[in-house]
Protein backbone atom coordinates (compact mmCIF):
# COMPACT_ATOMS: atom_id res chain seq x y z
CA UNK A 1 -89.79 -56.38 25.98
CA UNK A 2 -85.78 -56.54 27.39
CA UNK A 3 -84.35 -59.70 28.41
CA UNK A 4 -82.66 -59.93 31.82
CA UNK A 5 -78.96 -59.46 30.11
CA UNK A 6 -80.01 -56.36 28.12
CA UNK A 7 -81.73 -54.89 31.14
CA UNK A 8 -78.64 -55.10 33.40
CA UNK A 9 -76.36 -53.58 30.74
CA UNK A 10 -78.59 -50.59 30.01
CA UNK A 11 -78.57 -50.06 33.97
CA UNK A 12 -74.78 -50.49 34.00
CA UNK A 13 -74.61 -48.01 31.24
CA UNK A 14 -76.32 -45.59 33.16
CA UNK A 15 -74.38 -45.86 36.41
CA UNK A 16 -71.53 -45.18 34.10
CA UNK A 17 -72.91 -42.22 32.91
CA UNK A 18 -73.77 -40.87 36.08
CA UNK A 19 -70.50 -41.50 37.73
CA UNK A 20 -69.10 -38.36 37.26
CA UNK A 21 -71.46 -36.99 39.82
CA UNK A 22 -70.46 -39.73 42.26
CA UNK A 23 -67.12 -38.28 41.82
CA UNK A 24 -68.11 -34.59 42.35
CA UNK A 25 -69.93 -35.50 45.66
CA UNK A 26 -66.84 -37.06 47.16
CA UNK A 27 -64.78 -34.35 46.27
CA UNK A 28 -67.07 -31.85 47.69
CA UNK A 29 -67.25 -33.75 50.70
CA UNK A 30 -63.05 -33.33 50.95
CA UNK A 31 -63.61 -29.67 50.14
CA UNK A 32 -65.91 -29.32 53.02
CA UNK A 33 -63.53 -31.13 55.30
CA UNK A 34 -66.27 -33.68 56.44
CA UNK A 35 -63.50 -36.60 56.63
CA UNK A 36 -61.61 -35.02 59.27
CA UNK A 37 -65.06 -33.95 60.96
CA UNK A 38 -65.82 -37.56 61.28
CA UNK A 39 -62.17 -39.03 62.21
CA UNK A 40 -63.07 -41.55 64.80
CA UNK A 41 -66.34 -41.08 65.59
CA UNK A 42 -69.97 -40.37 63.60
CA UNK A 43 -71.93 -36.98 63.82
CA UNK A 44 -75.26 -35.73 62.93
CA UNK A 45 -75.88 -33.85 59.86
CA UNK A 46 -76.95 -30.57 62.21
CA UNK A 47 -73.67 -30.37 63.98
CA UNK A 48 -71.78 -31.16 60.60
CA UNK A 49 -73.93 -28.37 58.73
CA UNK A 50 -72.81 -25.84 61.39
CA UNK A 51 -69.22 -26.60 61.82
CA UNK A 52 -69.03 -26.42 57.68
CA UNK A 53 -71.20 -23.51 57.21
CA UNK A 54 -73.53 -25.89 54.60
CA UNK A 55 -77.41 -26.26 54.30
CA UNK A 56 -78.64 -29.10 56.76
CA UNK A 57 -80.79 -30.65 54.25
CA UNK A 58 -78.64 -30.57 51.38
CA UNK A 59 -75.70 -31.93 53.06
CA UNK A 60 -78.04 -34.63 54.43
CA UNK A 61 -78.67 -35.66 50.99
CA UNK A 62 -75.13 -35.12 49.58
CA UNK A 63 -73.82 -37.57 52.65
CA UNK A 64 -76.81 -40.15 52.12
CA UNK A 65 -76.02 -40.42 48.30
CA UNK A 66 -72.85 -41.82 49.08
CA UNK A 67 -73.78 -44.36 51.65
CA UNK A 68 -74.72 -47.15 48.59
CA UNK A 69 -71.42 -46.57 47.39
CA UNK A 70 -69.44 -47.45 50.69
CA UNK A 71 -68.06 -44.22 51.64
CA UNK A 72 -70.26 -43.36 54.41
CA UNK A 73 -72.70 -45.38 56.67
CA UNK A 74 -75.71 -44.00 58.49
CA UNK A 75 -76.67 -46.06 61.24
CA UNK A 76 -79.59 -43.68 62.50
CA UNK A 77 -81.28 -41.32 60.37
CA UNK A 78 -79.03 -38.35 59.98
CA UNK A 79 -76.28 -39.70 61.94
CA UNK A 80 -73.06 -40.46 59.56
CA UNK A 81 -69.52 -42.19 60.09
CA UNK A 82 -66.67 -43.06 57.75
CA UNK A 83 -66.30 -46.67 56.16
CA UNK A 84 -62.87 -48.03 55.85
CA UNK A 85 -63.47 -47.00 51.95
CA UNK A 86 -64.20 -43.55 53.15
CA UNK A 87 -61.38 -43.20 55.78
CA UNK A 88 -59.04 -43.08 52.96
CA UNK A 89 -60.30 -39.57 52.29
CA UNK A 90 -58.72 -38.44 55.75
CA UNK A 91 -55.42 -36.64 55.34
CA UNK A 92 -53.62 -38.89 57.60
CA UNK A 93 -54.54 -41.96 56.01
CA UNK A 94 -51.84 -44.19 54.49
CA UNK A 95 -52.01 -43.44 50.54
CA UNK A 96 -54.62 -40.56 51.53
CA UNK A 97 -56.94 -40.20 48.55
CA UNK A 98 -57.78 -36.21 49.94
CA UNK A 99 -55.12 -34.58 47.79
CA UNK A 100 -56.66 -36.44 44.49
CA UNK A 101 -60.03 -35.58 45.64
CA UNK A 102 -58.83 -31.82 46.00
CA UNK A 103 -57.16 -31.70 42.52
CA UNK A 104 -60.32 -33.21 40.95
CA UNK A 105 -62.44 -30.81 42.60
CA UNK A 106 -60.48 -27.72 40.97
CA UNK A 107 -58.81 -27.02 37.99
CA UNK A 108 -57.97 -30.23 36.71
CA UNK A 109 -61.37 -31.58 36.96
CA UNK A 110 -63.11 -28.91 35.34
CA UNK A 111 -61.17 -29.78 32.03
CA UNK A 112 -63.18 -33.07 32.09
CA UNK A 113 -66.13 -31.05 30.74
CA UNK A 114 -64.10 -29.95 27.19
CA UNK A 115 -63.12 -33.66 26.72
CA UNK A 116 -65.60 -33.45 23.68
CA UNK A 117 -63.30 -30.41 22.41
CA UNK A 118 -60.09 -32.58 22.75
CA UNK A 119 -61.97 -35.37 20.72
CA UNK A 120 -63.15 -32.94 17.79
CA UNK A 121 -59.68 -30.90 17.59
CA UNK A 122 -57.02 -33.07 19.01
CA UNK A 123 -56.13 -29.90 21.40
CA UNK A 124 -55.96 -30.21 25.27
CA UNK A 125 -58.91 -29.66 27.09
CA UNK A 126 -56.96 -28.09 30.03
CA UNK A 127 -55.50 -25.40 27.74
CA UNK A 128 -58.93 -24.56 26.49
CA UNK A 129 -60.23 -24.09 29.98
CA UNK A 130 -57.09 -22.37 31.77
CA UNK A 131 -55.32 -20.85 28.64
CA UNK A 132 -51.91 -22.38 29.25
CA UNK A 133 -50.54 -25.90 29.64
CA UNK A 134 -50.61 -27.56 32.94
CA UNK A 135 -46.84 -27.41 33.85
CA UNK A 136 -46.90 -23.67 33.12
CA UNK A 137 -50.06 -23.35 35.32
CA UNK A 138 -48.80 -25.12 38.43
CA UNK A 139 -45.62 -23.20 37.90
CA UNK A 140 -47.96 -20.12 38.26
CA UNK A 141 -50.15 -21.75 41.14
CA UNK A 142 -47.75 -22.90 43.94
CA UNK A 143 -50.82 -23.73 46.06
CA UNK A 144 -51.95 -26.05 43.41
CA UNK A 145 -48.62 -27.56 42.76
CA UNK A 146 -48.23 -28.81 46.17
CA UNK A 147 -51.74 -30.17 45.94
CA UNK A 148 -50.71 -32.06 42.47
CA UNK A 149 -47.35 -33.30 43.96
CA UNK A 150 -49.27 -34.41 47.23
CA UNK A 151 -51.69 -36.27 44.84
CA UNK A 152 -49.02 -37.88 43.06
CA UNK A 153 -47.07 -38.70 46.46
CA UNK A 154 -50.14 -40.51 47.91
CA UNK A 155 -50.62 -42.78 44.28
CA UNK A 156 -47.02 -43.54 44.81
CA UNK A 157 -47.01 -44.77 48.33
CA UNK A 158 -49.86 -47.36 47.10
CA UNK A 159 -47.19 -48.42 44.23
CA UNK A 160 -43.93 -48.78 46.76
CA UNK A 161 -44.52 -52.13 47.92
CA UNK A 162 -45.35 -53.34 44.90
CA UNK A 163 -42.36 -51.88 43.16
CA UNK A 164 -39.93 -53.14 46.00
CA UNK A 165 -40.93 -56.61 45.86
CA UNK A 166 -40.07 -56.83 42.26
CA UNK A 167 -36.93 -54.50 41.99
CA UNK A 168 -33.78 -54.45 43.97
CA UNK A 169 -32.30 -51.16 44.63
CA UNK A 170 -29.26 -52.23 46.59
CA UNK A 171 -26.63 -52.55 43.78
CA UNK A 172 -27.09 -48.89 42.97
CA UNK A 173 -25.23 -46.43 45.48
CA UNK A 174 -25.83 -42.92 43.71
CA UNK A 175 -29.39 -42.57 42.57
CA UNK A 176 -31.17 -39.64 40.75
CA UNK A 177 -34.88 -39.12 40.69
CA UNK A 178 -35.47 -37.24 37.60
CA UNK A 179 -38.51 -35.32 37.91
CA UNK A 180 -38.84 -36.19 41.21
CA UNK A 181 -41.57 -33.89 42.35
CA UNK A 182 -41.38 -33.95 46.63
CA UNK A 183 -39.03 -36.69 46.37
CA UNK A 184 -41.41 -39.23 47.90
CA UNK A 185 -39.88 -42.33 45.81
CA UNK A 186 -36.38 -41.35 46.33
CA UNK A 187 -36.98 -40.97 49.85
CA UNK A 188 -38.98 -44.36 49.75
CA UNK A 189 -35.92 -45.87 48.01
CA UNK A 190 -33.23 -44.52 50.39
CA UNK A 191 -35.08 -45.70 53.58
CA UNK A 192 -34.62 -49.17 52.01
CA UNK A 193 -31.02 -49.02 50.73
CA UNK A 194 -29.19 -47.96 53.60
CA UNK A 195 -25.93 -47.93 51.74
CA UNK A 196 -27.32 -45.27 48.95
CA UNK A 197 -27.23 -41.54 48.44
CA UNK A 198 -29.55 -39.73 46.18
CA UNK A 199 -30.73 -36.46 44.57
CA UNK A 200 -33.93 -35.34 43.48
CA UNK A 201 -33.92 -33.12 40.13
CA UNK A 202 -36.97 -31.10 39.16
CA UNK A 203 -38.14 -27.26 38.46
CA UNK A 204 -37.39 -24.48 40.93
CA UNK A 205 -41.01 -24.42 42.03
CA UNK A 206 -40.77 -27.92 43.18
CA UNK A 207 -37.28 -28.17 44.67
CA UNK A 208 -38.54 -26.60 48.27
CA UNK A 209 -41.55 -29.27 48.57
CA UNK A 210 -38.65 -31.87 48.12
CA UNK A 211 -36.00 -30.47 50.50
CA UNK A 212 -39.01 -29.87 53.26
CA UNK A 213 -40.09 -34.14 52.70
CA UNK A 214 -36.42 -34.98 52.91
CA UNK A 215 -35.94 -32.75 56.04
CA UNK A 216 -39.06 -34.36 57.54
CA UNK A 217 -37.70 -38.06 56.80
CA UNK A 218 -34.50 -37.05 58.33
CA UNK A 219 -32.51 -38.01 55.21
CA UNK A 220 -30.52 -34.55 54.48
CA UNK A 221 -27.46 -36.46 55.28
CA UNK A 222 -27.88 -38.67 52.25
CA UNK A 223 -30.24 -36.97 50.03
CA UNK A 224 -30.59 -33.49 48.59
CA UNK A 225 -32.85 -31.64 45.95
CA UNK A 226 -31.26 -29.53 43.11
CA UNK A 227 -33.03 -27.51 40.17
CA UNK A 228 -32.65 -28.90 36.83
CA UNK A 229 -34.55 -29.24 33.32
CA UNK A 230 -34.45 -33.11 32.24
CA UNK A 231 -34.73 -31.64 28.65
CA UNK A 232 -31.36 -29.95 29.04
CA UNK A 233 -29.12 -31.51 31.69
CA UNK A 234 -29.21 -33.82 34.43
CA UNK A 235 -26.14 -34.59 37.12
CA UNK A 236 -24.09 -37.00 35.25
CA UNK A 237 -22.13 -40.14 36.45
CA UNK A 238 -24.47 -41.75 38.54
CA UNK A 239 -25.21 -45.54 38.98
CA UNK A 240 -29.25 -45.10 38.32
CA UNK A 241 -31.49 -42.64 37.07
CA UNK A 242 -35.54 -43.04 37.63
CA UNK A 243 -37.99 -41.97 35.35
CA UNK A 244 -41.17 -42.42 37.16
CA UNK A 245 -44.37 -41.37 36.06
CA UNK A 246 -42.49 -38.72 33.72
CA UNK A 247 -42.61 -40.02 30.22
CA UNK A 248 -46.34 -40.24 30.07
CA UNK A 249 -46.59 -36.57 30.55
CA UNK A 250 -44.85 -36.26 27.10
CA UNK A 251 -45.44 -36.80 23.20
CA UNK A 252 -43.06 -39.06 21.70
CA UNK A 253 -40.44 -36.16 20.59
CA UNK A 254 -40.42 -34.96 24.37
CA UNK A 255 -39.98 -38.24 25.80
CA UNK A 256 -37.10 -39.07 23.61
CA UNK A 257 -35.37 -35.68 24.70
CA UNK A 258 -35.63 -36.82 28.26
CA UNK A 259 -34.43 -40.16 27.43
CA UNK A 260 -31.48 -39.08 25.51
CA UNK A 261 -30.59 -36.17 28.19
CA UNK A 262 -30.29 -39.11 30.83
CA UNK A 263 -28.49 -41.25 28.26
CA UNK A 264 -25.99 -38.31 27.90
CA UNK A 265 -25.25 -38.29 31.72
CA UNK A 266 -25.52 -42.36 32.12
CA UNK A 267 -21.97 -43.74 32.65
CA UNK A 268 -21.16 -47.40 31.14
CA UNK A 269 -22.19 -49.17 34.74
CA UNK A 270 -25.26 -46.84 34.90
CA UNK A 271 -28.78 -47.78 34.51
CA UNK A 272 -31.95 -45.65 33.33
CA UNK A 273 -35.27 -46.93 35.25
CA UNK A 274 -38.58 -46.20 33.37
CA UNK A 275 -41.56 -46.69 35.92
CA UNK A 276 -45.08 -46.00 33.85
CA UNK A 277 -48.50 -47.57 33.59
CA UNK A 278 -48.73 -49.65 30.24
CA UNK A 279 -51.87 -49.86 28.43
CA UNK A 280 -51.42 -53.67 27.31
CA UNK A 281 -52.61 -54.34 30.95
CA UNK A 282 -56.14 -52.90 29.88
CA UNK A 283 -56.65 -55.91 27.22
CA UNK A 284 -58.30 -59.11 28.34
CA UNK A 285 -55.72 -61.97 28.89
CA UNK A 286 -57.98 -64.95 27.73
CA UNK A 287 -56.87 -66.79 30.99
CA UNK A 288 -59.92 -65.28 33.25
CA UNK A 289 -57.92 -62.93 34.83
CA UNK A 290 -59.26 -59.36 35.21
CA UNK A 291 -58.78 -56.20 33.04
CA UNK A 292 -56.86 -53.39 34.44
CA UNK A 293 -58.88 -50.45 34.29
CA UNK A 294 -56.39 -47.92 35.67
CA UNK A 295 -54.19 -47.38 32.62
CA UNK A 296 -57.37 -46.90 30.46
CA UNK A 297 -58.67 -44.03 32.94
CA UNK A 298 -55.23 -42.34 33.08
CA UNK A 299 -55.06 -42.42 29.43
CA UNK A 300 -58.47 -40.39 29.10
CA UNK A 301 -56.63 -38.02 32.03
CA UNK A 302 -53.62 -37.65 29.98
CA UNK A 303 -55.84 -36.88 26.78
CA UNK A 304 -57.90 -34.30 28.47
CA UNK A 305 -54.59 -32.40 30.07
CA UNK A 306 -52.31 -32.50 27.08
CA UNK A 307 -54.67 -33.27 23.90
CA UNK A 308 -53.98 -36.24 21.11
CA UNK A 309 -50.73 -35.22 20.49
CA UNK A 310 -49.08 -34.85 23.77
CA UNK A 311 -48.96 -36.99 27.13
CA UNK A 312 -50.25 -40.42 26.82
CA UNK A 313 -50.09 -44.03 28.67
CA UNK A 314 -48.09 -46.02 26.27
CA UNK A 315 -48.04 -50.17 25.33
CA UNK A 316 -44.83 -52.05 26.11
CA UNK A 317 -43.67 -52.02 22.52
CA UNK A 318 -43.95 -48.35 22.39
CA UNK A 319 -41.51 -47.82 25.18
CA UNK A 320 -39.24 -50.36 23.74
CA UNK A 321 -39.24 -48.27 20.60
CA UNK A 322 -38.61 -45.00 22.21
CA UNK A 323 -35.81 -46.47 24.47
CA UNK A 324 -34.07 -48.07 21.29
CA UNK A 325 -34.18 -44.63 19.52
CA UNK A 326 -32.66 -42.92 22.28
CA UNK A 327 -29.69 -45.34 22.21
CA UNK A 328 -30.73 -47.35 25.26
CA UNK A 329 -30.74 -51.29 25.29
CA UNK A 330 -33.61 -52.54 27.36
CA UNK A 331 -32.27 -55.06 30.18
CA UNK A 332 -35.00 -55.97 32.10
CA UNK A 333 -39.03 -55.24 31.92
CA UNK A 334 -41.50 -56.21 34.47
CA UNK A 335 -45.38 -55.45 34.14
CA UNK A 336 -46.67 -55.48 37.90
CA UNK A 337 -50.12 -56.85 39.10
CA UNK A 338 -51.36 -53.19 39.05
CA UNK A 339 -50.52 -52.86 35.22
CA UNK A 340 -47.32 -50.78 35.85
CA UNK A 341 -44.30 -51.75 34.12
CA UNK A 342 -40.56 -51.43 35.68
CA UNK A 343 -38.14 -51.07 32.65
CA UNK A 344 -34.30 -50.93 33.04
CA UNK A 345 -32.21 -50.04 30.60
CA UNK A 346 -28.50 -49.25 29.75
CA UNK A 347 -26.43 -47.44 27.25
CA UNK A 348 -25.99 -48.82 23.81
CA UNK A 349 -23.09 -49.24 21.56
């Protein structure tokens, strides 16, 4: 006979095993446009099925299954509405989860079925499924690239308040966001530092997205976007070079190349700022504090995309070693409540 603790553990494990179904259900709901249809109102399943071209009974079961997870409510049988949690799937929500749901509903999510291949061989599940690496695939598929960048920008919007509460950017007049995607972070920095100017450096397929955001935020007089390759050259002589969630995409050798490229551009007064999750935050602290799960989940994500020898989430000490090998001296490192670290470094002697 099972005791209560063993029974609870067994039930919890089954929920972990079945959780991919919940993720897939949420992604399907987003693909169908349900969050937009439910914006500001509830709706009957017959109406939703007619508007989405779906099977009414299948849709009803799909939506009802998300009620216990707090995504939807069902006040009357067959009448569904978004909860505050579900409202984060709307495209206009602050920090919208919609782009991430779309990303995981497509090519990125399908790679997870091949995680065993990665565990057995060390090879990238993404490459096995799609025949190329992630960034090459994104360059060939601009629609997916836009969804990817929107997912990154939405995730960043959840981080910015925490970053700005811990880091002062006022002392940097000329800022470069290296591999800055659509410019979301740099625009956020410039809005808070009216005396600064900045440049987004990224690949040719991404620069138009950055230019679009810069124009929409009316920052074109203070911000530009240029094509560049952080393995080769970045704009020299600037005050601050930001590497936000860049190094985790690469193996140690490639991460060193990026850091050395930035160091070569760095003047004596300049600084490099690395923003990335640290896996130390996943470990129990012994003081009763909670354990951060996001770095652990994101390391699995990196493993599926890049394999065992590619991108990964790192420990604090691993970042310190990379910086030192690149000829940089760590000045300050802050691990934020979310499990993210902000590390500032200068040129070594």
